Amino acid sequence: MRTHALLALSTALLIVASPLAALDLSDTVLGNRTAYIPPQCYTKTIDAAGTAHNPCQTCHVRSRAPHYINDQDLQLSYAFPELALKNPWTNLFVDRSAEVAATAREEILAYVRQDNYRDTDGQNILAARLQPPPAEWDVNGDGAWGGYIPDVAFDFDDQGFDIGPDGQMTGWRAFAYQPLPGTFWPTNGSTDDVMIRLPEAYRQTADGTPDRAIYALNLATVEALIKRADVAIPRTDEVALGTDLDRDGMLGTATQITFVFDPKAGEVMHYLGRAGALQDAGEAPLAAGLFPLGTEFLHSVRYIDFDGDRIAIAPRLKELRYMRKTRWLTYFDRQEGALAEAKERNSFPDRIAMFFGDAETGISNGTGWRLQGFIEDARGDLRPQSFEETVFCMGCHGGIGVNDDDVLAFPRKLDADAVQGGWYHWTQHGLYGVPDRMRADGLPEYAHYLRTNGAGDEFRGNAELISRWLDEDGALTPEAAEGFRHDVSALLYPSPERALDLNAAYRMIVREQSFTKGRDATVTPQENVWREVEQDQPTGITEVQAPWYQR
């Protein structure tokens, strides 16, 4: 029960008002030199009964070209460099249960329902603070912010396009997707969203006029390239466009973008509008499995809100993550880089990854993308992430097999049979009614994950999910799997009570500003996590699981 509301609130105010050491954004020396290896990689995969649990299958798999990082062997052993053998993510072992229990329900709800991105007049708080930035944020001291200035309005129309205060599209478009199994399920701590933006040329007609229809078709082309599959579109007049979108050999009415990529046979898809002209001039390269040069992604990580028993995305942001494709790598470039990395990992297993950049302009992931982000300060306002806090993002964007062009969410975008063809923001329509997607081998994905992992998270710490869906032997029965087969929200959303606890637990990390020790919303110390491992220690898993896109 949550009691002593006044005491909890007064304690909270004291914590927020407490002085903290100033964050030095110019510091590029890592306290945790392997910050790119996430906490989940320290999971104990064998339980007390000797049963193997395999959460590693979410990330470490055989990739699909042109992503050539085949790291399925990491399902079998803890292949860490020596510097990473001792688990640095000590926040996993903190007991927050007493403070969480003392947190008043009304107070934590008021906190997560306060928008820290926009003020009460709808103005962008963070953008205003960056123009010009505070001196302590201005890493290079030139009086201007050299990185991304957040410009999404979070005002989406019925096609998922973000509309700015001037009534015009900002270029951002929200899409719905199947969250990756494990950490990214809302029941494990956070709601989130992802938006994509293509460069201006992809949003224009050949003469440079902004055109929503052209933009939507170019986005559908990108979707087809990333999924390597045909993509349904609204009925479109090919004659007006002068392009055979469905590749049926004639200009008529198309209802799909047909995927094809066979350069040797001269069969290559084509962008529309000004992007098409740039493609013809060799300035807008196109390839299956790769995003256009200049593509941007924006990912907000948020607290969990609810209305009655209905879970919703909270107004308050925990983080705002941004990445932009700044360099085009060919298939050969990417394969050569992956092979060189594999050779180095084999020859020099203790050599750690190096990253270059800073907190202001972002950090290069080494394969064409630049990443930066913003995170809550102790008072709940958004501030730039430090260099080390951004390195935390690097392990997942480029360093694991499951990615497509270093991206996780867009390959999992909902298809045309979803609401608005999958182009919507979670505030418009949540996970309610979204079915469990089928893997390439014909198995429902989330059901397969529960059966092979025996839990709904890496740490096997989500007791609520386990008690709801698994039997006393830890197995998922066919009857239980049918309970979320046609509506994954039943599985992926927590109860309101758990949401409150997770919100309160994470806010404690915010007030401590201890993100470099881990940012997982855990209430009690996690028992199924190694504090230290031996080099190449076997996980105990004996059967490698294939990714969702392979048979």
Protein backbone atom coordinates (compact mmCIF):
# COMPACT_ATOMS: atom_id res chain seq x y z
CA MET A 1 0.00 0.00 0.00
CA ARG A 2 1.09 3.58 -0.64
CA THR A 3 0.74 5.51 2.61
CA HIS A 4 2.31 8.57 4.22
CA ALA A 5 1.71 10.66 1.10
CA LEU A 6 2.77 13.96 2.67
CA LEU A 7 5.98 12.46 4.04
CA ALA A 8 6.81 10.92 0.65
CA LEU A 9 6.15 14.20 -1.14
CA SER A 10 8.27 16.23 1.28
CA THR A 11 11.08 13.69 0.98
CA ALA A 12 10.84 13.91 -2.81
CA LEU A 13 11.16 17.69 -2.72
CA LEU A 14 14.24 17.40 -0.53
CA ILE A 15 15.83 14.95 -2.95
CA VAL A 16 15.15 17.19 -5.96
CA ALA A 17 16.50 20.25 -4.18
CA SER A 18 19.71 18.51 -3.08
CA PRO A 19 22.84 19.83 -4.83
CA LEU A 20 24.45 17.50 -7.35
CA ALA A 21 27.89 17.53 -8.84
CA ALA A 22 27.80 19.39 -12.13
CA LEU A 23 27.74 17.11 -15.17
CA ASP A 24 30.72 17.74 -17.41
CA LEU A 25 29.44 17.19 -20.94
CA SER A 26 32.91 17.76 -22.37
CA ASP A 27 34.23 14.63 -20.64
CA THR A 28 34.87 11.79 -23.10
CA VAL A 29 36.68 9.53 -20.63
CA LEU A 30 34.53 6.51 -19.83
CA GLY A 31 34.10 5.43 -16.24
CA ASN A 32 32.67 2.19 -17.61
CA ARG A 33 34.89 1.46 -20.58
CA THR A 34 32.49 -1.20 -21.86
CA ALA A 35 29.32 0.87 -21.48
CA TYR A 36 28.20 -0.45 -24.88
CA ILE A 37 27.64 -3.94 -23.39
CA PRO A 38 24.11 -3.69 -21.88
CA PRO A 39 23.06 -5.04 -18.46
CA GLN A 40 20.93 -7.76 -20.06
CA CYS A 41 24.09 -9.51 -21.29
CA TYR A 42 24.93 -10.43 -17.68
CA THR A 43 21.79 -12.55 -17.24
CA LYS A 44 22.14 -15.95 -15.58
CA THR A 45 20.59 -18.20 -18.20
CA ILE A 46 20.45 -21.39 -16.09
CA ASP A 47 18.04 -21.49 -13.15
CA ALA A 48 18.38 -23.38 -9.86
CA ALA A 49 16.70 -26.43 -11.37
CA GLY A 50 19.21 -26.53 -14.23
CA THR A 51 16.72 -25.31 -16.86
CA ALA A 52 18.13 -23.13 -19.65
CA HIS A 53 16.49 -19.81 -20.46
CA ASN A 54 17.38 -18.06 -23.70
CA PRO A 55 16.74 -14.31 -23.78
CA CYS A 56 19.92 -13.89 -25.86
CA GLN A 57 18.01 -14.84 -29.02
CA THR A 58 16.41 -11.38 -29.20
CA CYS A 59 19.68 -9.72 -30.24
CA HIS A 60 22.40 -12.26 -30.99
CA VAL A 61 21.48 -14.07 -34.19
CA ARG A 62 22.53 -14.76 -37.73
CA SER A 63 21.99 -11.49 -39.57
CA ARG A 64 20.48 -10.93 -42.99
CA ALA A 65 22.61 -9.17 -45.61
CA PRO A 66 23.70 -6.47 -45.92
CA HIS A 67 24.02 -6.57 -42.14
CA TYR A 68 26.87 -9.03 -41.74
CA ILE A 69 27.27 -9.30 -37.97
CA ASN A 70 26.59 -12.97 -37.30
CA ASP A 71 26.82 -13.24 -33.53
CA GLN A 72 24.56 -16.21 -32.77
CA ASP A 73 27.52 -17.73 -30.92
CA LEU A 74 26.86 -15.21 -28.14
CA GLN A 75 23.78 -17.25 -27.22
CA LEU A 76 26.25 -19.91 -26.06
CA SER A 77 28.92 -18.04 -24.07
CA TYR A 78 29.76 -14.83 -22.26
CA ALA A 79 32.42 -13.73 -24.73
CA PHE A 80 33.36 -10.52 -22.90
CA PRO A 81 36.66 -8.66 -23.01
CA GLU A 82 38.53 -8.81 -19.72
CA LEU A 83 37.47 -5.29 -18.73
CA ALA A 84 33.80 -6.35 -18.85
CA LEU A 85 34.00 -9.49 -16.73
CA LYS A 86 32.88 -7.65 -13.60
CA ASN A 87 29.31 -6.39 -14.01
CA PRO A 88 29.39 -2.57 -13.90
CA TRP A 89 25.59 -2.19 -13.85
CA THR A 90 25.25 -2.06 -10.07
CA ASN A 91 21.81 -0.39 -10.13
CA LEU A 92 20.47 -3.89 -10.82
CA PHE A 93 21.33 -4.88 -7.25
CA VAL A 94 19.72 -1.93 -5.45
CA ASP A 95 16.67 -2.57 -3.25
CA ARG A 96 14.19 0.23 -3.93
CA SER A 97 11.14 -1.53 -2.52
CA ALA A 98 10.74 0.59 0.63
CA GLU A 99 10.94 3.91 -1.23
CA VAL A 100 8.65 2.63 -3.97
CA ALA A 101 6.07 1.50 -1.40
CA ALA A 102 6.23 4.92 0.26
CA THR A 103 5.60 6.79 -2.99
CA ALA A 104 2.12 8.29 -3.10
CA ARG A 105 0.06 7.09 -6.06
CA GLU A 106 -1.26 10.59 -6.80
CA GLU A 107 2.20 12.14 -6.63
CA ILE A 108 3.92 9.76 -9.08
CA LEU A 109 0.95 9.93 -11.44
CA ALA A 110 1.12 13.72 -11.42
CA TYR A 111 4.84 13.48 -12.20
CA VAL A 112 4.54 11.16 -15.22
CA ARG A 113 1.58 13.13 -16.56
CA GLN A 114 3.54 16.37 -16.64
CA ASP A 115 4.94 17.03 -20.11
CA ASN A 116 8.64 17.88 -19.90
CA TYR A 117 9.00 18.37 -23.67
CA ARG A 118 6.32 21.04 -24.16
CA ASP A 119 5.18 23.75 -21.76
CA THR A 120 1.54 24.56 -20.97
CA ASP A 121 1.39 26.77 -24.09
CA GLY A 122 2.59 23.90 -26.28
CA GLN A 123 6.03 25.41 -26.83
CA ASN A 124 9.07 23.16 -27.25
CA ILE A 125 10.99 23.55 -23.97
CA LEU A 126 14.12 21.71 -25.04
CA ALA A 127 14.49 23.53 -28.37
CA ALA A 128 14.18 26.84 -26.58
CA ARG A 129 16.93 25.90 -24.11
CA LEU A 130 19.26 24.98 -26.97
CA GLN A 131 19.00 28.33 -28.76
CA PRO A 132 21.52 29.28 -27.51
CA PRO A 133 22.49 26.43 -25.18
CA PRO A 134 23.53 26.97 -21.55
CA ALA A 135 27.29 27.39 -21.23
CA GLU A 136 27.62 24.00 -19.49
CA TRP A 137 26.02 22.30 -22.52
CA ASP A 138 28.15 24.12 -25.11
CA VAL A 139 30.93 21.57 -25.44
CA ASN A 140 32.93 23.43 -28.10
CA GLY A 141 32.22 26.86 -26.61
CA ASP A 142 31.03 28.49 -29.84
CA GLY A 143 27.75 29.76 -28.37
CA ALA A 144 25.59 27.52 -30.57
CA TRP A 145 24.25 23.98 -30.28
CA GLY A 146 26.05 21.88 -32.88
CA GLY A 147 23.86 18.79 -32.66
CA TYR A 148 20.24 17.91 -33.27
CA ILE A 149 17.71 20.45 -32.01
CA PRO A 150 14.48 18.54 -31.28
CA ASP A 151 11.80 19.70 -33.71
CA VAL A 152 9.05 17.08 -33.52
CA ALA A 153 5.74 18.60 -32.43
CA PHE A 154 4.17 15.30 -31.28
CA ASP A 155 0.99 16.36 -33.10
CA PHE A 156 0.15 13.56 -35.52
CA ASP A 157 -2.58 13.52 -38.16
CA ASP A 158 -4.59 10.49 -39.32
CA GLN A 159 -1.69 9.30 -41.49
CA GLY A 160 0.93 9.56 -38.76
CA PHE A 161 2.52 12.73 -40.12
CA ASP A 162 3.74 15.18 -37.47
CA ILE A 163 2.28 18.67 -37.89
CA GLY A 164 4.25 21.64 -36.62
CA PRO A 165 2.88 24.83 -35.00
CA ASP A 166 2.81 26.46 -38.45
CA GLY A 167 0.40 23.81 -39.72
CA GLN A 168 3.03 22.26 -41.99
CA MET A 169 4.56 18.79 -41.84
CA THR A 170 7.81 18.61 -39.90
CA GLY A 171 8.84 15.59 -41.95
CA TRP A 172 8.58 13.22 -39.00
CA ARG A 173 6.19 10.30 -39.40
CA ALA A 174 5.27 7.96 -36.56
CA PHE A 175 4.92 4.25 -37.16
CA ALA A 176 3.66 1.36 -35.05
CA TYR A 177 5.81 -1.72 -34.60
CA GLN A 178 6.08 -5.00 -32.74
CA PRO A 179 8.33 -4.30 -29.72
CA LEU A 180 11.38 -6.55 -29.51
CA PRO A 181 10.88 -9.34 -26.96
CA GLY A 182 12.15 -8.56 -23.47
CA THR A 183 13.34 -5.18 -22.25
CA PHE A 184 11.30 -3.16 -24.74
CA TRP A 185 7.97 -4.56 -23.61
CA PRO A 186 6.12 -1.88 -21.60
CA THR A 187 5.54 -4.39 -18.80
CA ASN A 188 9.29 -4.22 -18.16
CA GLY A 189 9.50 -0.52 -17.45
CA SER A 190 8.82 1.95 -20.26
CA THR A 191 6.53 2.96 -23.06
CA ASP A 192 8.15 4.40 -26.16
CA ASP A 193 7.63 5.49 -29.75
CA VAL A 194 9.70 5.80 -32.92
CA MET A 195 9.48 8.26 -35.81
CA ILE A 196 11.28 8.35 -39.16
CA ARG A 197 12.16 11.30 -41.38
CA LEU A 198 13.65 11.15 -44.87
CA PRO A 199 15.67 14.05 -46.30
CA GLU A 200 13.80 16.96 -47.86
CA ALA A 201 14.31 15.74 -51.44
CA TYR A 202 12.24 12.61 -50.67
CA ARG A 203 9.34 14.85 -49.63
CA GLN A 204 9.22 16.89 -52.83
CA THR A 205 8.14 16.72 -56.45
CA ALA A 206 10.79 16.96 -59.14
CA ASP A 207 10.63 20.77 -59.09
CA GLY A 208 11.13 20.95 -55.32
CA THR A 209 7.50 21.45 -54.27
CA PRO A 210 6.60 19.74 -50.97
CA ASP A 211 4.24 16.86 -51.68
CA ARG A 212 2.70 14.56 -49.09
CA ALA A 213 1.77 11.84 -51.60
CA ILE A 214 5.30 11.66 -53.01
CA TYR A 215 6.69 11.45 -49.49
CA ALA A 216 4.31 8.65 -48.52
CA LEU A 217 5.26 6.65 -51.62
CA ASN A 218 8.98 7.13 -51.00
CA LEU A 219 8.49 5.95 -47.41
CA ALA A 220 6.65 2.90 -48.75
CA THR A 221 9.60 2.26 -51.05
CA VAL A 222 11.97 2.43 -48.09
CA GLU A 223 9.70 0.04 -46.18
CA ALA A 224 9.83 -2.42 -49.09
CA LEU A 225 13.63 -2.14 -49.27
CA ILE A 226 14.09 -2.78 -45.55
CA LYS A 227 11.54 -5.61 -45.34
CA ARG A 228 12.59 -7.05 -48.72
CA ALA A 229 8.90 -7.48 -49.50
CA ASP A 230 6.05 -5.87 -51.43
CA VAL A 231 4.25 -3.10 -49.55
CA ALA A 232 0.57 -2.27 -50.04
CA ILE A 233 -0.33 1.36 -50.82
CA PRO A 234 -3.61 3.23 -51.45
CA ARG A 235 -4.80 3.12 -55.07
CA THR A 236 -2.27 5.26 -56.95
CA ASP A 237 -2.31 6.59 -60.51
CA GLU A 238 0.95 5.46 -62.10
CA VAL A 239 0.27 7.47 -65.27
CA ALA A 240 0.43 10.75 -63.36
CA LEU A 241 3.71 9.67 -61.79
CA GLY A 242 5.16 8.12 -64.92
CA THR A 243 6.39 5.18 -62.86
CA ASP A 244 5.43 1.50 -62.80
CA LEU A 245 5.20 1.12 -59.01
CA ASP A 246 3.84 -2.43 -59.03
CA ARG A 247 6.16 -3.48 -61.86
CA ASP A 248 3.43 -5.19 -63.85
CA GLY A 249 4.83 -3.85 -67.12
CA MET A 250 2.23 -1.14 -67.65
CA LEU A 251 1.13 2.21 -66.24
CA GLY A 252 -2.24 1.89 -64.55
CA THR A 253 -3.51 1.90 -60.99
CA ALA A 254 -1.10 0.45 -58.45
CA THR A 255 -2.05 -0.94 -55.04
CA GLN A 256 1.44 -1.96 -54.00
CA ILE A 257 5.10 -1.07 -54.23
CA THR A 258 6.70 -4.20 -55.64
CA PHE A 259 10.07 -5.06 -54.15
CA VAL A 260 12.90 -5.90 -56.50
CA PHE A 261 16.64 -5.46 -56.19
CA ASP A 262 18.76 -7.17 -58.84
CA PRO A 263 21.30 -4.62 -60.09
CA LYS A 264 23.05 -7.14 -62.35
CA ALA A 265 19.79 -7.61 -64.27
CA GLY A 266 19.04 -3.89 -64.23
CA GLU A 267 16.08 -4.44 -61.89
CA VAL A 268 16.24 -1.74 -59.23
CA MET A 269 13.49 0.18 -57.51
CA HIS A 270 13.24 3.94 -57.99
CA TYR A 271 12.45 6.86 -55.75
CA LEU A 272 9.94 9.48 -56.85
CA GLY A 273 10.14 13.25 -57.17
CA ARG A 274 13.37 15.13 -56.60
CA ALA A 275 14.86 12.10 -54.84
CA GLY A 276 14.39 10.14 -58.07
CA ALA A 277 16.29 12.77 -60.02
CA LEU A 278 19.08 12.65 -57.44
CA GLN A 279 19.10 8.86 -57.69
CA ASP A 280 19.55 9.08 -61.45
CA ALA A 281 22.44 11.48 -60.89
CA GLY A 282 24.09 9.05 -58.47
CA GLU A 283 23.46 11.32 -55.47
CA ALA A 284 20.74 9.27 -53.74
CA PRO A 285 21.98 5.66 -53.55
CA LEU A 286 19.42 2.88 -53.15
CA ALA A 287 19.96 -0.69 -51.97
CA ALA A 288 17.88 -3.43 -50.38
CA GLY A 289 18.29 -3.52 -46.62
CA LEU A 290 19.69 0.01 -46.39
CA PHE A 291 18.08 3.33 -45.51
CA PRO A 292 18.65 6.40 -47.70
CA LEU A 293 21.57 8.66 -46.85
CA GLY A 294 20.31 11.35 -44.47
CA THR A 295 17.54 9.23 -42.92
CA GLU A 296 16.73 10.26 -39.34
CA PHE A 297 15.09 8.38 -36.48
CA LEU A 298 13.69 9.81 -33.27
CA HIS A 299 12.83 7.57 -30.32
CA SER A 300 11.18 8.84 -27.15
CA VAL A 301 11.33 6.60 -24.07
CA ARG A 302 8.58 7.40 -21.57
CA TYR A 303 6.98 6.51 -18.29
CA ILE A 304 3.83 4.37 -18.16
CA ASP A 305 0.44 6.02 -17.79
CA PHE A 306 -3.03 4.49 -17.59
CA ASP A 307 -6.71 5.37 -17.70
CA GLY A 308 -8.57 2.93 -15.51
CA ASP A 309 -7.11 -0.43 -16.48
CA ARG A 310 -6.05 0.80 -19.92
CA ILE A 311 -2.30 1.39 -20.24
CA ALA A 312 -1.12 4.42 -22.21
CA ILE A 313 2.06 6.23 -23.18
CA ALA A 314 2.87 8.93 -20.59
CA PRO A 315 3.41 12.61 -21.45
CA ARG A 316 6.72 12.71 -19.56
CA LEU A 317 9.83 11.65 -21.47
CA LYS A 318 12.60 9.68 -19.84
CA GLU A 319 14.78 10.05 -22.92
CA LEU A 320 14.72 11.41 -26.44
CA ARG A 321 17.10 9.43 -28.67
CA TYR A 322 18.17 10.58 -32.14
CA MET A 323 20.16 9.01 -34.94
CA ARG A 324 21.01 10.20 -38.44
CA LYS A 325 22.62 8.36 -41.33
CA THR A 326 25.60 10.49 -42.26
CA ARG A 327 27.61 8.12 -44.45
CA TRP A 328 26.70 5.62 -47.17
CA LEU A 329 28.42 2.25 -46.96
CA THR A 330 28.12 -0.21 -49.82
CA TYR A 331 27.50 -3.92 -49.30
CA PHE A 332 31.22 -4.49 -49.75
CA ASP A 333 32.07 -1.78 -47.20
CA ARG A 334 29.74 -3.30 -44.64
CA GLN A 335 30.88 -6.87 -45.20
CA GLU A 336 34.54 -5.88 -45.05
CA GLY A 337 33.93 -4.00 -41.80
CA ALA A 338 32.04 -6.91 -40.22
CA LEU A 339 34.74 -9.40 -41.22
CA ALA A 340 37.45 -7.15 -39.83
CA GLU A 341 35.54 -6.84 -36.56
CA ALA A 342 35.05 -10.61 -36.35
CA LYS A 343 38.76 -11.17 -36.98
CA GLU A 344 39.71 -8.67 -34.29
CA ARG A 345 37.29 -10.22 -31.80
CA ASN A 346 38.90 -13.60 -32.45
CA SER A 347 42.52 -12.40 -32.44
CA PHE A 348 42.25 -9.80 -29.68
CA PRO A 349 39.33 -10.84 -27.44
CA ASP A 350 40.25 -8.31 -24.74
CA ARG A 351 40.31 -5.33 -27.08
CA ILE A 352 37.36 -3.03 -26.43
CA ALA A 353 35.37 -0.92 -28.87
CA MET A 354 36.32 2.74 -29.33
CA PHE A 355 33.87 5.53 -30.11
CA PHE A 356 34.42 9.06 -31.35
CA GLY A 357 32.35 12.21 -30.94
CA ASP A 358 30.99 14.24 -28.06
CA ALA A 359 27.80 14.98 -26.14
CA GLU A 360 26.94 17.95 -28.35
CA THR A 361 27.38 16.65 -31.88
CA GLY A 362 26.80 12.97 -31.14
CA ILE A 363 28.85 9.82 -31.51
CA SER A 364 29.57 7.79 -34.64
CA ASN A 365 28.70 4.11 -34.47
CA GLY A 366 31.34 3.32 -37.09
CA THR A 367 28.90 2.09 -39.74
CA GLY A 368 27.39 5.30 -41.03
CA TRP A 369 25.13 6.58 -38.25
CA ARG A 370 25.57 9.33 -35.68
CA LEU A 371 23.71 9.05 -32.37
CA GLN A 372 22.95 11.49 -29.58
CA GLY A 373 20.26 11.87 -26.97
CA PHE A 374 18.61 13.75 -24.15
CA ILE A 375 17.71 12.42 -20.72
CA GLU A 376 16.07 13.70 -17.54
CA ASP A 377 18.10 15.72 -15.08
CA ALA A 378 17.50 15.38 -11.33
CA ARG A 379 14.51 17.73 -11.51
CA GLY A 380 12.92 15.93 -14.45
CA ASP A 381 13.89 18.42 -17.16
CA LEU A 382 15.54 17.09 -20.31
CA ARG A 383 19.28 17.63 -20.70
CA PRO A 384 21.85 16.35 -23.21
CA GLN A 385 23.21 12.89 -22.50
CA SER A 386 26.87 12.71 -21.55
CA PHE A 387 29.37 10.94 -23.78
CA GLU A 388 29.24 7.82 -21.61
CA GLU A 389 25.44 7.85 -21.43
CA THR A 390 25.36 7.88 -25.24
CA VAL A 391 27.94 5.10 -25.61
CA PHE A 392 25.36 2.98 -23.77
CA CYS A 393 23.25 3.10 -26.98
CA MET A 394 26.02 1.85 -29.23
CA GLY A 395 25.88 -1.85 -28.47
CA CYS A 396 22.37 -2.17 -29.84
CA HIS A 397 22.74 0.07 -32.89
CA GLY A 398 25.30 -1.68 -35.02
CA GLY A 399 26.85 -4.27 -32.76
CA ILE A 400 24.25 -7.06 -32.83
CA GLY A 401 23.01 -9.45 -35.50
CA VAL A 402 19.30 -8.68 -35.38
CA ASN A 403 19.61 -5.16 -36.84
CA ASP A 404 18.81 -4.02 -40.33
CA ASP A 405 21.18 -1.18 -41.22
CA ASP A 406 21.73 -0.73 -37.46
CA VAL A 407 18.02 -0.08 -36.85
CA LEU A 408 15.67 -2.17 -34.69
CA ALA A 409 12.09 -0.86 -34.88
CA PHE A 410 11.40 -0.05 -38.55
CA PRO A 411 11.95 -3.61 -39.86
CA ARG A 412 9.21 -4.59 -37.38
CA LYS A 413 6.74 -1.92 -38.56
CA LEU A 414 3.14 -3.16 -38.66
CA ASP A 415 1.91 -4.03 -42.14
CA ALA A 416 -0.87 -2.61 -44.29
CA ASP A 417 -3.57 -4.65 -42.53
CA ALA A 418 -2.95 -2.71 -39.31
CA VAL A 419 -4.71 0.52 -38.32
CA GLN A 420 -3.70 3.30 -40.76
CA GLY A 421 -1.40 0.83 -42.48
CA GLY A 422 0.85 0.92 -39.41
CA TRP A 423 1.49 4.65 -39.75
CA TYR A 424 0.36 6.01 -36.41
CA HIS A 425 1.64 7.16 -33.03
CA TRP A 426 0.94 5.14 -29.90
CA THR A 427 -1.08 8.05 -28.48
CA GLN A 428 -3.50 7.54 -31.38
CA HIS A 429 -3.83 3.79 -31.00
CA GLY A 430 -1.90 1.56 -28.65
CA LEU A 431 -1.01 -2.11 -28.78
CA TYR A 432 -4.61 -3.10 -28.17
CA GLY A 433 -5.80 -5.45 -30.89
CA VAL A 434 -2.33 -6.02 -32.37
CA PRO A 435 -1.84 -9.78 -32.98
CA ASP A 436 1.24 -11.83 -32.14
CA ARG A 437 3.25 -11.72 -35.37
CA MET A 438 4.25 -14.91 -37.13
CA ARG A 439 7.92 -15.79 -37.41
CA ALA A 440 9.34 -17.00 -40.72
CA ASP A 441 9.17 -20.56 -39.34
CA GLY A 442 5.40 -20.23 -38.79
CA LEU A 443 5.50 -19.85 -35.00
CA PRO A 444 3.94 -16.86 -33.18
CA GLU A 445 6.91 -14.76 -32.08
CA TYR A 446 6.02 -13.81 -28.52
CA ALA A 447 4.73 -17.29 -27.70
CA HIS A 448 8.02 -18.73 -29.00
CA TYR A 449 9.98 -16.29 -26.82
CA LEU A 450 8.07 -17.26 -23.68
CA ARG A 451 8.51 -20.95 -24.39
CA THR A 452 12.27 -20.70 -24.99
CA ASN A 453 12.99 -18.10 -22.31
CA GLY A 454 10.52 -19.12 -19.63
CA ALA A 455 9.97 -15.47 -18.75
CA GLY A 456 8.97 -12.14 -20.26
CA ASP A 457 12.25 -10.36 -19.57
CA GLU A 458 15.96 -11.11 -19.57
CA PHE A 459 16.34 -11.06 -15.79
CA ARG A 460 13.27 -13.25 -15.17
CA GLY A 461 12.29 -10.61 -12.63
CA ASN A 462 8.83 -9.80 -13.96
CA ALA A 463 6.88 -12.00 -11.54
CA GLU A 464 3.56 -10.49 -12.61
CA LEU A 465 3.98 -11.66 -16.22
CA ILE A 466 5.25 -15.08 -15.15
CA SER A 467 2.30 -15.67 -12.82
CA ARG A 468 -0.18 -14.46 -15.44
CA TRP A 469 1.02 -16.52 -18.39
CA LEU A 470 3.21 -19.44 -17.33
CA ASP A 471 2.14 -22.52 -15.39
CA GLU A 472 3.73 -23.81 -12.16
CA ASP A 473 6.43 -25.53 -14.21
CA GLY A 474 7.28 -22.28 -16.02
CA ALA A 475 5.74 -23.44 -19.29
CA LEU A 476 3.44 -21.58 -21.67
CA THR A 477 0.44 -23.74 -22.43
CA PRO A 478 -1.40 -23.57 -25.77
CA GLU A 479 -4.42 -22.16 -23.93
CA ALA A 480 -2.35 -19.39 -22.38
CA ALA A 481 -0.72 -18.53 -25.72
CA GLU A 482 -4.18 -18.16 -27.23
CA GLY A 483 -4.88 -15.48 -24.60
CA PHE A 484 -2.63 -12.98 -26.37
CA ARG A 485 -2.56 -14.49 -29.87
CA HIS A 486 -4.88 -11.82 -31.27
CA ASP A 487 -4.10 -9.02 -28.81
CA VAL A 488 -0.54 -8.73 -27.52
CA SER A 489 -1.48 -5.89 -25.18
CA ALA A 490 -2.70 -8.55 -22.74
CA LEU A 491 0.91 -9.78 -22.53
CA LEU A 492 2.92 -6.61 -23.08
CA TYR A 493 1.12 -4.18 -20.79
CA PRO A 494 1.57 -4.25 -16.99
CA SER A 495 -1.16 -3.83 -14.42
CA PRO A 496 -1.65 -0.22 -13.22
CA GLU A 497 -0.13 -1.25 -9.89
CA ARG A 498 3.05 -2.53 -11.52
CA ALA A 499 3.20 0.57 -13.73
CA LEU A 500 3.21 2.79 -10.64
CA ASP A 501 5.99 0.77 -9.04
CA LEU A 502 8.15 0.86 -12.17
CA ASN A 503 7.60 4.61 -12.56
CA ALA A 504 8.63 5.24 -8.97
CA ALA A 505 11.68 2.97 -9.19
CA TYR A 506 13.00 4.64 -12.33
CA ARG A 507 12.48 8.14 -10.90
CA MET A 508 14.84 7.20 -8.08
CA ILE A 509 17.56 6.63 -10.69
CA VAL A 510 16.70 10.00 -12.22
CA ARG A 511 17.08 11.78 -8.89
CA GLU A 512 20.39 10.04 -8.26
CA GLN A 513 21.52 10.73 -11.85
CA SER A 514 23.07 7.27 -11.71
CA PHE A 515 22.38 6.27 -15.33
CA THR A 516 25.96 5.08 -15.83
CA LYS A 517 25.20 2.35 -13.26
CA GLY A 518 22.13 1.21 -15.20
CA ARG A 519 18.74 2.60 -16.16
CA ASP A 520 16.47 -0.44 -15.78
CA ALA A 521 13.37 0.18 -13.66
CA THR A 522 13.85 -2.53 -11.04
CA VAL A 523 12.20 -2.48 -7.62
CA THR A 524 14.06 -5.33 -5.91
CA PRO A 525 17.62 -6.61 -6.41
CA GLN A 526 17.83 -8.84 -9.46
CA GLU A 527 18.83 -12.38 -8.53
CA ASN A 528 19.27 -13.86 -12.01
CA VAL A 529 22.21 -11.64 -12.92
CA TRP A 530 25.92 -12.35 -12.65
CA ARG A 531 28.00 -9.91 -10.64
CA GLU A 532 31.05 -11.31 -12.38
CA VAL A 533 31.69 -13.88 -15.12
CA GLU A 534 34.69 -15.77 -16.40
CA GLN A 535 35.95 -15.12 -19.90
CA ASP A 536 34.10 -17.26 -22.46
CA GLN A 537 32.06 -18.82 -19.66
CA PRO A 538 29.35 -21.03 -21.23
CA THR A 539 25.81 -19.73 -20.83
CA GLY A 540 24.49 -23.27 -20.54
CA ILE A 541 22.25 -22.76 -23.57
CA THR A 542 22.78 -25.62 -26.00
CA GLU A 543 20.27 -24.83 -28.77
CA VAL A 544 20.75 -21.66 -30.80
CA GLN A 545 17.44 -20.00 -31.65
CA ALA A 546 16.96 -18.50 -35.12
CA PRO A 547 15.73 -14.90 -35.51
CA TRP A 548 12.15 -14.05 -36.40
CA TYR A 549 13.02 -13.44 -40.06
CA GLN A 550 14.66 -16.85 -40.71
CA ARG A 551 13.15 -20.31 -41.03
